[in-house]
Protein backbone atom coordinates (compact mmCIF):
# COMPACT_ATOMS: atom_id res chain seq x y z
CA MET A 1 53.98 150.53 134.42
CA VAL A 2 56.05 147.69 132.93
CA ASN A 3 58.36 146.06 135.28
CA ASP A 4 62.15 144.24 134.18
CA ASP A 5 60.60 140.62 134.03
CA GLU A 6 57.75 141.87 131.48
CA ASN A 7 60.33 143.51 129.13
CA PRO A 8 62.20 140.92 127.11
CA ARG A 9 64.58 143.26 125.67
CA ARG A 10 65.75 145.36 128.73
CA ASN A 11 66.09 141.68 130.95
CA LEU A 12 67.80 140.48 128.14
CA THR A 13 70.04 143.27 127.91
CA ARG A 14 70.78 142.93 131.99
CA ARG A 15 71.99 139.26 131.30
CA ALA A 16 74.25 140.01 128.28
CA PRO A 17 77.72 138.39 129.57
CA GLY A 18 80.36 140.88 129.40
CA TRP A 19 82.12 139.24 126.13
CA ALA A 20 79.08 139.78 124.50
CA ILE A 21 79.24 143.44 125.22
CA VAL A 22 82.53 143.85 124.32
CA ALA A 23 82.00 141.85 120.68
CA ALA A 24 79.29 144.35 119.97
CA LEU A 25 81.02 147.45 120.92
CA ALA A 26 84.05 146.21 119.03
CA PHE A 27 82.19 145.58 115.86
CA ALA A 28 80.87 148.85 116.10
CA GLY A 29 84.26 150.38 116.70
CA LEU A 30 85.84 148.35 113.53
CA SER A 31 82.85 149.66 111.34
CA SER A 32 83.39 153.11 112.15
CA ALA A 33 87.56 152.94 111.97
CA PHE A 34 86.74 151.35 108.51
CA MET A 35 85.38 154.62 107.40
CA PHE A 36 88.90 156.40 107.28
CA THR A 37 90.28 153.99 104.68
CA LEU A 38 86.68 153.04 102.75
CA VAL A 39 87.68 155.16 99.94
CA VAL A 40 91.24 154.95 99.83
CA PRO A 41 91.49 152.32 96.83
CA LEU A 42 89.44 154.70 95.12
CA GLN A 43 91.47 157.93 95.77
CA ALA A 44 93.26 157.81 92.48
CA ASP A 45 89.85 157.22 89.99
CA LEU A 46 87.75 159.43 92.00
CA PRO A 47 87.88 162.54 89.62
CA HIS A 48 86.90 160.33 86.78
CA LEU A 49 84.29 158.39 88.58
CA LEU A 50 82.72 161.72 90.17
CA ASP A 51 83.44 163.64 86.95
CA ALA A 52 85.02 166.49 89.30
CA SER A 53 88.69 168.12 89.67
CA ARG A 54 91.35 166.41 92.07
CA GLU A 55 91.00 168.91 94.58
CA GLU A 56 87.30 168.67 94.84
CA THR A 57 87.45 164.87 95.60
CA SER A 58 90.00 165.48 98.06
CA TRP A 59 87.26 166.54 100.26
CA VAL A 60 85.71 162.88 99.90
CA VAL A 61 88.66 161.93 102.34
CA THR A 62 89.07 165.24 104.05
CA ILE A 63 85.49 165.90 104.86
CA THR A 64 85.54 162.78 106.94
CA LEU A 65 88.69 163.50 108.88
CA LEU A 66 87.20 166.99 109.48
CA VAL A 67 83.73 165.76 110.77
CA ALA A 68 85.30 162.96 112.96
CA ALA A 69 87.64 165.73 114.84
CA VAL A 70 84.90 167.93 115.59
CA ALA A 71 82.02 165.80 116.52
CA THR A 72 84.19 163.39 118.56
CA PRO A 73 84.62 165.46 121.87
CA ILE A 74 81.07 166.46 121.35
CA SER A 75 79.60 163.02 121.24
CA GLY A 76 81.57 162.59 124.47
CA ARG A 77 80.06 165.02 126.41
CA LEU A 78 76.80 164.02 125.02
CA GLY A 79 77.19 160.40 126.12
CA ASP A 80 78.17 161.55 129.96
CA MET A 81 75.16 163.70 130.17
CA TYR A 82 72.40 161.59 128.17
CA GLY A 83 73.77 157.70 128.04
CA LYS A 84 76.61 156.48 126.11
CA ARG A 85 74.52 153.65 124.81
CA ARG A 86 72.24 155.82 123.34
CA VAL A 87 74.61 158.35 121.49
CA ILE A 88 76.30 155.22 120.38
CA LEU A 89 73.16 154.36 118.45
CA PHE A 90 72.88 157.87 117.17
CA LEU A 91 76.15 157.56 115.78
CA LEU A 92 75.69 154.34 114.02
CA GLY A 93 72.41 155.71 112.64
CA ALA A 94 74.50 158.80 111.06
CA LEU A 95 76.63 156.18 109.29
CA ILE A 96 73.82 153.93 108.02
CA ILE A 97 72.11 157.26 106.63
CA GLY A 98 75.27 158.48 105.38
CA SER A 99 76.34 155.19 103.30
CA LEU A 100 72.86 155.34 102.01
CA VAL A 101 73.41 158.85 100.65
CA ALA A 102 76.60 158.22 98.99
CA ALA A 103 75.63 154.70 97.68
CA VAL A 104 72.61 156.34 95.94
CA SER A 105 74.63 159.40 94.41
CA ASP A 106 76.61 159.83 91.28
CA SER A 107 77.32 163.58 92.08
CA ILE A 108 80.59 164.68 94.02
CA VAL A 109 78.13 166.78 96.23
CA GLY A 110 76.06 163.59 97.18
CA VAL A 111 79.14 161.58 98.16
CA ILE A 112 80.98 164.47 100.36
CA ILE A 113 77.55 164.81 102.34
CA GLY A 114 77.52 160.96 102.89
CA ARG A 115 81.07 160.62 103.66
CA GLY A 116 80.73 163.58 106.33
CA LEU A 117 77.86 161.81 107.95
CA GLN A 118 80.11 158.81 107.95
CA GLY A 119 82.74 160.55 109.87
CA ILE A 120 80.20 161.55 112.79
CA THR A 121 80.57 157.87 113.55
CA THR A 122 84.11 157.89 115.21
CA GLY A 123 82.75 158.82 118.55
CA VAL A 124 81.77 155.06 118.72
CA ILE A 125 85.14 154.16 119.82
CA PRO A 126 85.96 156.52 122.84
CA LEU A 127 82.33 156.05 123.73
CA GLY A 128 82.75 152.34 123.82
CA ILE A 129 85.63 152.54 125.92
CA ALA A 130 83.87 154.66 128.41
CA VAL A 131 80.80 151.89 128.41
CA MET A 132 83.21 149.08 129.27
CA ARG A 133 84.46 151.21 132.16
CA ASP A 134 81.14 151.37 133.29
CA VAL A 135 79.77 147.72 132.88
CA LEU A 136 83.38 145.31 133.31
CA PRO A 137 85.34 144.46 136.42
CA PRO A 138 88.50 145.80 136.99
CA ALA A 139 90.03 142.59 135.99
CA ARG A 140 88.72 142.42 132.70
CA LEU A 141 88.99 146.04 132.03
CA GLY A 142 92.59 146.38 130.41
CA THR A 143 92.01 143.36 127.93
CA ALA A 144 88.74 144.77 126.72
CA VAL A 145 89.81 148.53 126.38
CA ALA A 146 92.83 147.23 124.44
CA PHE A 147 90.72 145.40 121.92
CA MET A 148 88.36 148.29 121.87
CA SER A 149 91.14 151.09 121.44
CA ALA A 150 92.89 148.83 118.91
CA THR A 151 89.86 148.55 116.72
CA MET A 152 90.73 152.31 115.58
CA GLY A 153 93.93 150.93 113.48
CA VAL A 154 92.61 147.06 112.89
CA GLY A 155 89.65 148.56 111.09
CA GLY A 156 91.46 150.38 108.82
CA ALA A 157 93.85 147.84 108.29
CA LEU A 158 91.62 144.94 107.56
CA GLY A 159 89.09 146.89 105.88
CA MET A 160 91.80 148.20 103.27
CA PRO A 161 91.84 144.95 101.31
CA VAL A 162 88.23 144.54 101.44
CA ALA A 163 87.74 147.67 99.92
CA ALA A 164 90.26 147.29 97.43
CA PHE A 165 88.59 143.88 96.37
CA ILE A 166 85.54 145.57 95.83
CA ALA A 167 86.82 148.70 94.15
CA GLU A 168 88.67 146.47 91.90
CA ASN A 169 85.55 143.84 91.03
CA TYR A 170 82.53 145.79 91.69
CA ASP A 171 80.66 149.01 91.18
CA TRP A 172 82.33 151.50 93.20
CA HIS A 173 78.64 152.31 95.09
CA ALA A 174 79.28 148.86 96.43
CA LEU A 175 81.38 150.34 99.02
CA PHE A 176 79.03 152.27 100.34
CA TRP A 177 76.04 149.26 100.49
CA MET A 178 78.57 147.42 102.18
CA SER A 179 79.14 150.31 105.03
CA LEU A 180 75.67 150.68 105.24
CA ALA A 181 75.15 146.91 106.13
CA LEU A 182 77.90 147.19 108.50
CA GLY A 183 75.88 150.27 110.11
CA VAL A 184 72.86 148.04 110.48
CA ILE A 185 74.42 144.94 111.92
CA GLY A 186 76.55 147.17 114.70
CA LEU A 187 73.32 149.23 115.42
CA ALA A 188 70.94 146.01 116.07
CA ALA A 189 73.93 144.32 118.18
CA ILE A 190 74.22 147.42 120.31
CA TRP A 191 70.54 147.81 120.64
CA ARG A 192 70.12 144.27 121.71
CA ILE A 193 72.96 143.48 123.79
CA VAL A 194 74.97 146.89 125.40
CA PRO A 195 72.81 147.50 128.78
CA GLU A 196 71.36 151.12 129.77
CA ASP A 197 73.62 153.68 131.22
CA THR A 198 73.71 153.90 134.75
CA LEU A 199 76.21 156.68 135.26
CA LEU A 200 75.25 159.65 133.90
CA SER A 201 76.50 163.48 134.36
CA PRO A 202 73.17 165.37 134.07
CA GLY A 203 73.42 169.02 133.20
CA ARG A 204 73.14 170.90 129.41
CA LEU A 205 74.95 170.88 126.34
CA ASP A 206 77.36 173.95 126.06
CA LEU A 207 76.06 174.74 122.56
CA LEU A 208 78.09 177.90 122.32
CA GLY A 209 81.47 175.96 123.26
CA ALA A 210 80.58 173.28 120.74
CA VAL A 211 80.14 175.50 117.86
CA GLY A 212 83.36 177.20 119.07
CA LEU A 213 85.04 174.34 119.28
CA ALA A 214 83.68 173.24 115.79
CA ILE A 215 84.98 176.41 113.99
CA GLY A 216 88.36 176.66 115.59
CA LEU A 217 88.76 172.78 114.53
CA ALA A 218 87.84 173.43 111.41
CA GLY A 219 90.14 176.17 110.69
CA LEU A 220 93.36 174.26 111.83
CA LEU A 221 92.50 171.16 110.19
CA LEU A 222 91.35 172.83 106.95
CA TYR A 223 95.11 174.54 106.82
CA VAL A 224 96.52 171.15 107.54
CA SER A 225 94.42 169.21 104.91
CA GLN A 226 93.94 171.73 102.27
CA GLY A 227 97.44 173.79 102.70
CA ALA A 228 99.18 172.08 99.83
CA ALA A 229 96.55 172.57 97.26
CA TRP A 230 95.56 176.11 98.36
CA GLY A 231 99.38 176.98 98.92
CA TRP A 232 100.65 177.11 102.39
CA GLY A 233 101.01 181.05 102.46
CA SER A 234 97.91 181.81 100.54
CA PRO A 235 95.33 184.09 101.75
CA LEU A 236 92.84 181.40 102.12
CA SER A 237 95.13 179.29 104.03
CA ILE A 238 96.22 182.09 106.56
CA SER A 239 93.15 183.34 106.97
CA SER A 240 91.82 179.55 107.72
CA VAL A 241 94.91 178.85 110.35
CA THR A 242 94.40 182.37 111.95
CA ILE A 243 90.60 181.58 112.58
CA GLY A 244 91.52 178.35 113.86
CA VAL A 245 93.87 179.77 116.60
CA VAL A 246 92.24 182.70 117.70
CA THR A 247 88.62 180.66 117.78
CA LEU A 248 90.47 177.94 120.00
CA LEU A 249 92.04 180.51 122.28
CA THR A 250 88.80 182.38 122.82
CA TRP A 251 86.88 178.84 123.15
CA GLY A 252 89.53 178.00 125.73
CA TYR A 253 89.32 181.06 127.74
CA TYR A 254 85.22 180.66 127.39
CA GLN A 255 85.43 177.19 128.77
CA LEU A 256 87.79 178.07 131.98
CA ARG A 257 84.69 180.21 133.09
CA VAL A 258 81.42 178.73 131.92
CA ARG A 259 79.76 177.01 134.56
CA GLU A 260 78.99 173.56 132.69
CA PRO A 261 81.72 173.60 129.85
CA LEU A 262 82.04 171.27 126.98
CA VAL A 263 85.37 170.35 127.93
CA ASP A 264 86.57 170.74 131.67
CA LEU A 265 90.07 172.17 130.61
CA ARG A 266 91.18 172.27 134.27
CA VAL A 267 90.86 168.14 134.03
CA ALA A 268 92.61 168.22 130.31
CA ALA A 269 95.11 169.97 131.61
CA ARG A 270 96.35 167.27 134.48
CA PRO A 271 100.11 166.22 133.43
CA ALA A 272 98.93 162.78 132.77
CA VAL A 273 95.79 163.67 130.67
CA LEU A 274 97.55 166.52 128.62
CA MET A 275 101.01 164.67 128.16
CA THR A 276 98.87 161.68 126.99
CA ASN A 277 96.91 163.72 124.60
CA LEU A 278 100.02 165.63 122.95
CA ALA A 279 101.53 162.15 122.51
CA ALA A 280 98.50 160.81 120.67
CA ILE A 281 98.79 163.20 117.89
CA GLY A 282 102.27 161.46 117.02
CA MET A 283 100.63 158.05 117.22
CA GLY A 284 97.87 159.28 114.96
CA PHE A 285 100.48 160.57 112.51
CA ALA A 286 102.39 157.37 112.66
CA LEU A 287 99.45 155.03 111.95
CA PHE A 288 97.94 157.18 108.96
CA GLY A 289 101.32 158.05 107.78
CA SER A 290 102.26 154.36 107.14
CA ASN A 291 98.52 154.15 105.23
CA VAL A 292 99.20 156.76 103.00
CA SER A 293 102.96 156.27 101.98
CA PHE A 294 103.65 152.48 102.13
CA PRO A 295 100.84 151.52 99.84
CA GLN A 296 102.45 154.20 97.25
CA LEU A 297 105.52 152.67 97.60
CA LEU A 298 104.57 149.07 97.13
CA GLU A 299 102.17 150.22 93.81
CA LEU A 300 104.59 152.33 92.22
CA PRO A 301 106.06 150.94 88.96
CA VAL A 302 109.20 148.95 89.08
CA GLU A 303 110.57 150.90 86.48
CA THR A 304 111.14 153.71 88.73
CA GLY A 305 113.99 151.58 90.42
CA PHE A 306 112.35 151.38 94.27
CA GLY A 307 108.80 150.64 93.38
CA PHE A 308 107.42 147.40 93.66
CA GLY A 309 104.53 147.35 90.82
CA LEU A 310 102.19 145.64 92.96
CA THR A 311 98.43 146.03 92.21
CA MET A 312 95.87 147.67 94.54
CA MET A 313 94.66 144.42 96.12
CA GLN A 314 98.25 143.11 96.64
CA ALA A 315 99.12 146.48 98.43
CA ALA A 316 96.29 146.04 100.63
CA LEU A 317 97.37 142.78 101.59
CA CYS A 318 100.51 143.67 102.74
CA ILE A 319 99.21 146.18 104.86
CA MET A 320 96.90 143.83 106.40
CA PRO A 321 99.14 142.17 108.85
CA ALA A 322 99.49 145.09 110.74
CA GLY A 323 95.77 144.87 111.34
CA LEU A 324 95.91 141.08 112.54
CA ILE A 325 98.94 141.88 114.65
CA MET A 326 96.73 144.88 116.64
CA MET A 327 93.84 142.34 116.96
CA VAL A 328 96.22 139.33 117.98
CA LEU A 329 98.22 141.73 120.53
CA SER A 330 95.21 143.11 122.16
CA PRO A 331 94.50 140.67 125.00
CA LEU A 332 98.44 140.70 125.58
CA SER A 333 98.29 144.63 125.80
CA GLY A 334 95.70 144.17 128.75
CA GLN A 335 98.01 141.86 130.68
CA LEU A 336 101.16 143.74 130.17
CA GLU A 337 99.23 147.05 131.29
CA ARG A 338 98.13 145.37 134.26
CA THR A 339 101.74 144.35 134.82
CA PHE A 340 103.80 146.81 134.04
CA GLY A 341 101.48 149.96 133.94
CA PRO A 342 99.74 151.76 131.01
CA ARG A 343 102.78 154.49 131.01
CA ARG A 344 105.50 152.06 130.28
CA LEU A 345 103.50 150.21 127.91
CA PHE A 346 102.70 153.62 126.08
CA THR A 347 106.76 154.13 125.96
CA ILE A 348 107.31 150.90 124.75
CA GLY A 349 104.63 151.25 121.97
CA ALA A 350 105.84 154.80 120.77
CA GLY A 351 109.45 153.57 120.69
CA SER A 352 108.36 150.57 118.46
CA ILE A 353 107.09 153.14 116.09
CA VAL A 354 110.40 154.73 115.89
CA VAL A 355 112.05 151.45 115.16
CA ALA A 356 109.79 150.57 112.39
CA TYR A 357 110.56 153.82 110.44
CA ALA A 358 114.04 153.58 111.03
CA PHE A 359 113.91 149.96 109.71
CA VAL A 360 112.18 151.17 106.52
CA LEU A 361 114.71 153.95 106.11
CA LEU A 362 117.48 151.40 106.05
CA TRP A 363 115.74 148.54 104.29
CA SER A 364 113.15 148.85 101.88
CA SER A 365 114.29 146.99 98.63
CA GLU A 366 112.10 144.05 99.23
CA VAL A 367 108.20 143.65 99.73
CA TRP A 368 108.90 141.97 103.10
CA HIS A 369 110.75 145.16 104.40
CA ILE A 370 107.46 147.23 104.12
CA VAL A 371 105.60 144.14 105.79
CA VAL A 372 108.12 143.96 108.46
CA ALA A 373 107.98 147.58 109.02
CA ASN A 374 104.12 147.77 109.02
CA GLY A 375 104.12 144.93 111.31
CA LEU A 376 106.12 147.00 113.78
CA ILE A 377 103.61 149.93 113.42
CA GLY A 378 101.10 147.47 114.28
CA VAL A 379 103.04 146.59 117.64
CA GLY A 380 103.27 150.08 118.57
CA ILE A 381 99.96 151.06 117.70
CA ALA A 382 98.36 148.30 119.64
CA PHE A 383 100.08 148.80 122.74
CA SER A 384 99.99 152.83 122.54
CA PHE A 385 96.21 152.58 122.11
CA ALA A 386 95.58 150.17 124.62
CA ALA A 387 97.48 152.56 127.17
CA MET A 388 96.05 155.88 126.30
CA PRO A 389 92.78 155.16 127.64
CA MET A 390 93.43 153.61 130.89
CA ILE A 391 95.86 156.48 131.36
CA ILE A 392 92.86 158.85 130.88
CA MET A 393 90.42 156.81 132.70
CA ARG A 394 92.77 157.00 135.74
CA SER A 395 93.26 160.38 135.55
CA VAL A 396 89.57 161.68 135.48
CA PRO A 397 86.23 161.47 137.29
CA ASN A 398 83.75 158.51 136.46
CA ASN A 399 81.50 161.00 135.11
CA GLU A 400 83.87 162.59 132.82
CA THR A 401 85.09 159.33 130.88
CA GLY A 402 83.18 160.01 127.63
CA VAL A 403 84.50 163.40 126.90
CA SER A 404 87.86 162.66 128.02
CA ASN A 405 88.24 159.67 125.86
CA GLY A 406 86.68 161.99 123.05
CA LEU A 407 89.20 164.33 123.87
CA ASN A 408 91.90 161.88 123.54
CA ALA A 409 90.36 160.61 119.86
CA LEU A 410 90.27 164.12 118.84
CA PHE A 411 94.17 164.43 119.40
CA ARG A 412 94.81 161.05 117.63
CA SER A 413 92.40 162.39 114.51
CA VAL A 414 94.39 165.61 114.67
CA GLY A 415 97.35 163.24 114.26
CA THR A 416 95.83 161.31 110.96
CA SER A 417 94.56 164.47 109.46
CA SER A 418 98.23 165.96 109.80
CA ALA A 419 99.72 163.01 108.61
CA SER A 420 97.52 162.50 105.16
CA ALA A 421 98.12 166.37 104.42
CA VAL A 422 101.81 166.37 105.13
CA MET A 423 102.67 162.92 103.41
CA GLY A 424 100.46 163.88 100.69
CA GLY A 425 101.93 167.06 100.04
CA VAL A 426 105.68 165.86 100.43
CA LEU A 427 104.85 163.05 97.68
CA ALA A 428 103.11 165.64 95.51
CA ALA A 429 106.05 168.41 95.88
CA MET A 430 108.96 166.00 95.50
CA SER A 431 107.67 164.10 92.11
CA GLY A 432 109.77 163.26 88.87
CA PRO A 433 109.09 164.56 85.40
CA ASP A 434 106.75 161.42 85.27
CA HIS A 435 104.82 163.02 88.22
CA LEU A 436 105.75 160.28 90.19
CA PRO A 437 107.05 160.35 93.82
CA THR A 438 111.03 160.11 93.92
CA SER A 439 112.70 157.71 96.51
CA ALA A 440 113.89 160.90 98.03
CA ALA A 441 110.28 161.96 98.81
CA PHE A 442 109.48 158.33 100.75
CA ALA A 443 112.64 159.06 102.70
CA THR A 444 111.46 162.48 103.68
CA CYS A 445 108.19 161.04 105.18
CA PHE A 446 109.85 158.41 106.83
CA TRP A 447 112.07 160.90 108.72
CA ILE A 448 109.02 162.78 109.20
CA ALA A 449 107.30 160.14 110.65
CA ILE A 450 110.33 159.30 112.96
CA ALA A 451 110.43 162.90 114.22
CA ALA A 452 106.64 162.68 115.58
CA ALA A 453 107.20 159.19 117.02
CA VAL A 454 110.40 160.33 118.85
CA VAL A 455 108.69 163.51 120.02
CA ALA A 456 105.96 161.09 121.18
CA THR A 457 108.06 158.72 123.09
CA THR A 458 109.74 161.51 124.78
CA LEU A 459 106.37 162.89 126.22
CA THR A 460 105.58 159.30 127.28
CA LEU A 461 108.24 159.62 129.82
CA PHE A 462 106.68 162.82 131.31
CA ILE A 463 103.42 161.29 132.26
CA PRO A 464 103.28 160.94 135.93
CA ARG A 465 103.68 157.20 137.09
CA SER A 466 100.50 157.45 139.18
CA THR A 467 97.71 160.09 139.73
CA PRO A 468 96.40 161.40 143.11
CA GLY A 469 93.12 159.99 143.42
CA ALA A 470 92.85 158.08 140.36
CA ASP A 471 94.10 154.51 141.11
CA ARG A 472 92.78 151.16 139.81
CA SER A 473 90.66 151.45 142.82
CA SER A 474 88.62 154.29 141.34
CA LEU A 475 87.61 151.93 138.53
CA PRO A 476 84.24 150.55 138.80
CA ALA A 477 83.82 146.76 140.42
CA GLY A 478 81.69 146.02 137.40
CA SER A 479 78.08 144.85 136.92
């Protein structure tokens, strides 16, 4: 039997400083979040590149969102049971394999399969947050969690100009070779630095619950993401949403009665957890809504009277500051969370989103107007994404942090998927004779985003100020 002193790798991970663990987890989180915007610069060219219809190539984006929503809560439960580090390594392995499949494919089928595997890796972020709760002292936890949570927005915002540069200057396969490299680096960093789990929740995976959740979410998200293409009232759309709703209701009934449920709905129904998760839908909608509408507005021809005629790369650079703001504000978010509490920070963040979209409704005649509005969204996302996991972790037992943060990430994914479908549908439906979106189409998108942000802000006011038995003392003292 080999002891710790004779095992160099285990000894190294045990001695790894907190900042190194946070850095390794954050890099993995940034890489996973980048998968959402990886192919955004290619969307208009995908039908030509893959010799497929626009409806078929829409699945290159949809499949990633769909798989992410289904896999995230399941990976959270597996992390609680078998070890968060082990599951993170598996998810990064899926990213590597998916990137390789897409990188060597020239067909729509291969790329869709690869993108689906890439979507699995989204569970890295909530699992990383749960790891931080296990290994960091309370004094450092807020800042670390804020940074890790912000990677969901930072990865997409910073990755977009990188993806645009590669798309404009190299073969499109290079995007997937780059994501493969990111996966390899992230996997090596987690393997060498992040320690083995000591807090596990032994049990069995509720396979029937996992299948039911997958079918229910697939039905709803397919309706949201493909409803515009299928026709919102078409038999296919109605069947999809009906199957989704009925399956989720049946799944919920089953989860309340099974001995070891995939998701403990009694915990998920606690007011703090429930309100936070519902508000997370609005935050996800606000984040991805700007990623859909702002680049299109910036790239529209000047001849439209309201477009700015920017190149793909220029538009991506205008979006990038929001990611930088999220990164810079992460340490401040942690300090504000300790000073004012996560609930108040969440309210401030959601309110900032309202201000951002109101600003762009009033002023959108200059490029800097869009940059400012997107920067305000960055502020709101930084504060909101920092607050949500802290509220969740104060409200659930230690052995359910993985699945509970995964469930929160699921609600955010519902918001991002909805934004992609709704914004894209509005811009497509409200087009002029030249098939370009009209000014009224963008105004409608911004009003919808304001409504989502107002609802989210209102929900934050109903989050209890404190949760019995779930205060700061319940967090681990660190290792």
